[in-house]
Protein backbone atom coordinates (compact mmCIF):
# COMPACT_ATOMS: atom_id res chain seq x y z
CA UNK A 1 -47.72 -60.18 116.33
CA UNK A 2 -49.35 -57.13 115.10
CA UNK A 3 -47.99 -54.78 112.28
CA UNK A 4 -50.85 -52.38 112.37
CA UNK A 5 -49.05 -49.58 114.27
CA UNK A 6 -46.05 -49.88 111.97
CA UNK A 7 -47.75 -50.36 108.75
CA UNK A 8 -47.08 -46.78 107.66
CA UNK A 9 -43.49 -47.22 108.38
CA UNK A 10 -43.29 -50.42 106.28
CA UNK A 11 -45.29 -48.94 103.47
CA UNK A 12 -42.80 -45.96 103.34
CA UNK A 13 -39.92 -48.39 103.39
CA UNK A 14 -41.49 -50.32 100.50
CA UNK A 15 -41.87 -47.08 98.47
CA UNK A 16 -38.13 -46.40 98.82
CA UNK A 17 -37.04 -50.04 98.34
CA UNK A 18 -39.69 -51.57 96.12
CA UNK A 19 -38.12 -54.99 95.83
CA UNK A 20 -37.78 -55.64 99.60
CA UNK A 21 -38.96 -59.15 100.48
CA UNK A 22 -39.62 -58.56 104.16
CA UNK A 23 -39.10 -56.54 107.16
CA UNK A 24 -39.04 -57.69 110.87
CA UNK A 25 -38.75 -55.74 113.93
CA UNK A 26 -37.79 -57.99 116.80
CA UNK A 27 -36.87 -58.12 120.53
CA UNK A 28 -33.46 -58.89 121.83
CA UNK A 29 -34.93 -62.29 122.96
CA UNK A 30 -35.92 -63.20 119.45
CA UNK A 31 -39.50 -62.44 119.42
CA UNK A 32 -41.07 -60.63 116.41
CA UNK A 33 -42.86 -57.43 117.39
CA UNK A 34 -43.83 -56.44 113.82
CA UNK A 35 -43.31 -57.85 110.38
CA UNK A 36 -44.33 -57.19 106.75
CA UNK A 37 -44.01 -59.20 103.61
CA UNK A 38 -43.65 -62.70 105.03
CA UNK A 39 -45.71 -65.54 106.73
CA UNK A 40 -45.76 -65.39 110.52
CA UNK A 41 -43.83 -68.66 110.93
CA UNK A 42 -41.07 -67.22 108.71
CA UNK A 43 -41.05 -64.08 110.76
CA UNK A 44 -40.79 -65.89 114.01
CA UNK A 45 -37.79 -67.86 112.72
CA UNK A 46 -36.08 -64.91 111.26
CA UNK A 47 -36.55 -62.80 114.45
CA UNK A 48 -34.94 -65.53 116.49
CA UNK A 49 -32.12 -65.81 114.07
CA UNK A 50 -31.67 -62.03 113.82
CA UNK A 51 -31.54 -61.64 117.74
CA UNK A 52 -28.90 -64.36 117.78
CA UNK A 53 -26.80 -62.81 115.06
CA UNK A 54 -27.05 -59.35 116.71
CA UNK A 55 -25.92 -60.76 119.99
CA UNK A 56 -22.99 -62.68 118.61
CA UNK A 57 -21.78 -59.80 116.52
CA UNK A 58 -21.96 -57.38 119.55
CA UNK A 59 -19.92 -59.92 121.61
CA UNK A 60 -17.39 -60.16 118.86
CA UNK A 61 -17.14 -56.46 118.58
CA UNK A 62 -16.69 -56.10 122.41
CA UNK A 63 -13.89 -58.67 122.34
CA UNK A 64 -12.08 -56.98 119.56
CA UNK A 65 -12.56 -53.48 120.95
CA UNK A 66 -14.05 -52.28 117.66
CA UNK A 67 -16.92 -50.26 119.08
CA UNK A 68 -20.60 -50.49 118.67
CA UNK A 69 -22.04 -52.39 115.67
CA UNK A 70 -24.26 -50.39 113.50
CA UNK A 71 -25.37 -53.27 111.09
CA UNK A 72 -24.55 -56.72 109.77
CA UNK A 73 -24.94 -57.86 106.19
CA UNK A 74 -25.34 -61.53 105.16
CA UNK A 75 -25.12 -62.27 101.55
CA UNK A 76 -26.50 -65.52 100.09
CA UNK A 77 -27.05 -66.68 96.46
CA UNK A 78 -30.59 -65.27 96.29
CA UNK A 79 -30.81 -62.52 98.95
CA UNK A 80 -29.26 -60.12 101.28
CA UNK A 81 -30.24 -60.08 105.00
CA UNK A 82 -29.54 -56.71 106.60
CA UNK A 83 -29.51 -56.54 110.38
CA UNK A 84 -29.48 -53.46 112.57
CA UNK A 85 -29.68 -52.85 116.17
CA UNK A 86 -32.40 -50.08 116.18
CA UNK A 87 -32.86 -49.33 119.88
CA UNK A 88 -32.27 -50.92 123.17
CA UNK A 89 -33.43 -54.47 123.10
CA UNK A 90 -34.68 -54.13 119.47
CA UNK A 91 -33.46 -55.16 116.15
CA UNK A 92 -34.53 -54.86 112.54
CA UNK A 93 -34.07 -57.51 109.81
CA UNK A 94 -34.57 -56.61 106.22
CA UNK A 95 -34.52 -59.22 103.40
CA UNK A 96 -33.91 -58.00 99.88
CA UNK A 97 -33.27 -60.08 96.69
CA UNK A 98 -29.63 -60.37 95.57
CA UNK A 99 -30.66 -58.30 92.41
CA UNK A 100 -31.75 -55.47 94.59
CA UNK A 101 -29.91 -52.02 94.72
CA UNK A 102 -28.02 -52.83 97.89
CA UNK A 103 -26.79 -49.22 98.37
CA UNK A 104 -30.42 -47.95 98.20
CA UNK A 105 -31.54 -50.63 100.61
CA UNK A 106 -28.80 -49.84 103.10
CA UNK A 107 -29.46 -46.13 102.97
CA UNK A 108 -33.12 -46.74 103.56
CA UNK A 109 -32.31 -48.92 106.53
CA UNK A 110 -29.99 -46.28 108.02
CA UNK A 111 -32.56 -43.61 107.49
CA UNK A 112 -35.26 -45.73 109.13
CA UNK A 113 -33.16 -46.46 112.15
CA UNK A 114 -32.00 -42.88 112.60
CA UNK A 115 -35.58 -41.37 112.19
CA UNK A 116 -37.60 -43.79 114.18
CA UNK A 117 -35.37 -46.32 115.91
CA UNK A 118 -35.91 -44.98 119.48
CA UNK A 119 -39.76 -45.26 118.95
CA UNK A 120 -39.32 -48.95 118.10
CA UNK A 121 -37.58 -49.85 121.45
CA UNK A 122 -38.85 -53.00 123.16
CA UNK A 123 -39.93 -52.11 126.75
CA UNK A 124 -38.15 -53.96 129.53
CA UNK A 125 -39.82 -56.93 131.02
CA UNK A 126 -41.30 -56.58 134.48
């Protein structure tokens, strides 16, 4: 998994949200395509988790007729996990500590997705 081509994007996000613990861009099948701020094995596990959660939330939304899902927030004792569908077949998971400015982090995620989400799309398999 290489983060070289997205390092500028991750650095910019870290300037906006200095206490971010990690970012992962992942494919819909749960494979990390890029990450920053965490060991590779942790990124692998969180990418799989993020893809599963995005899939379940999309199905729940379809069953309730509530439209497309823009994001999912998971709150734990020590951290927030923020999930977004950034492009077709591609998701973003951001981990921030519970002490973080959640509004700032959410705004930065929204800006990231709106500005470059389409460029992060995972190509279809052949």
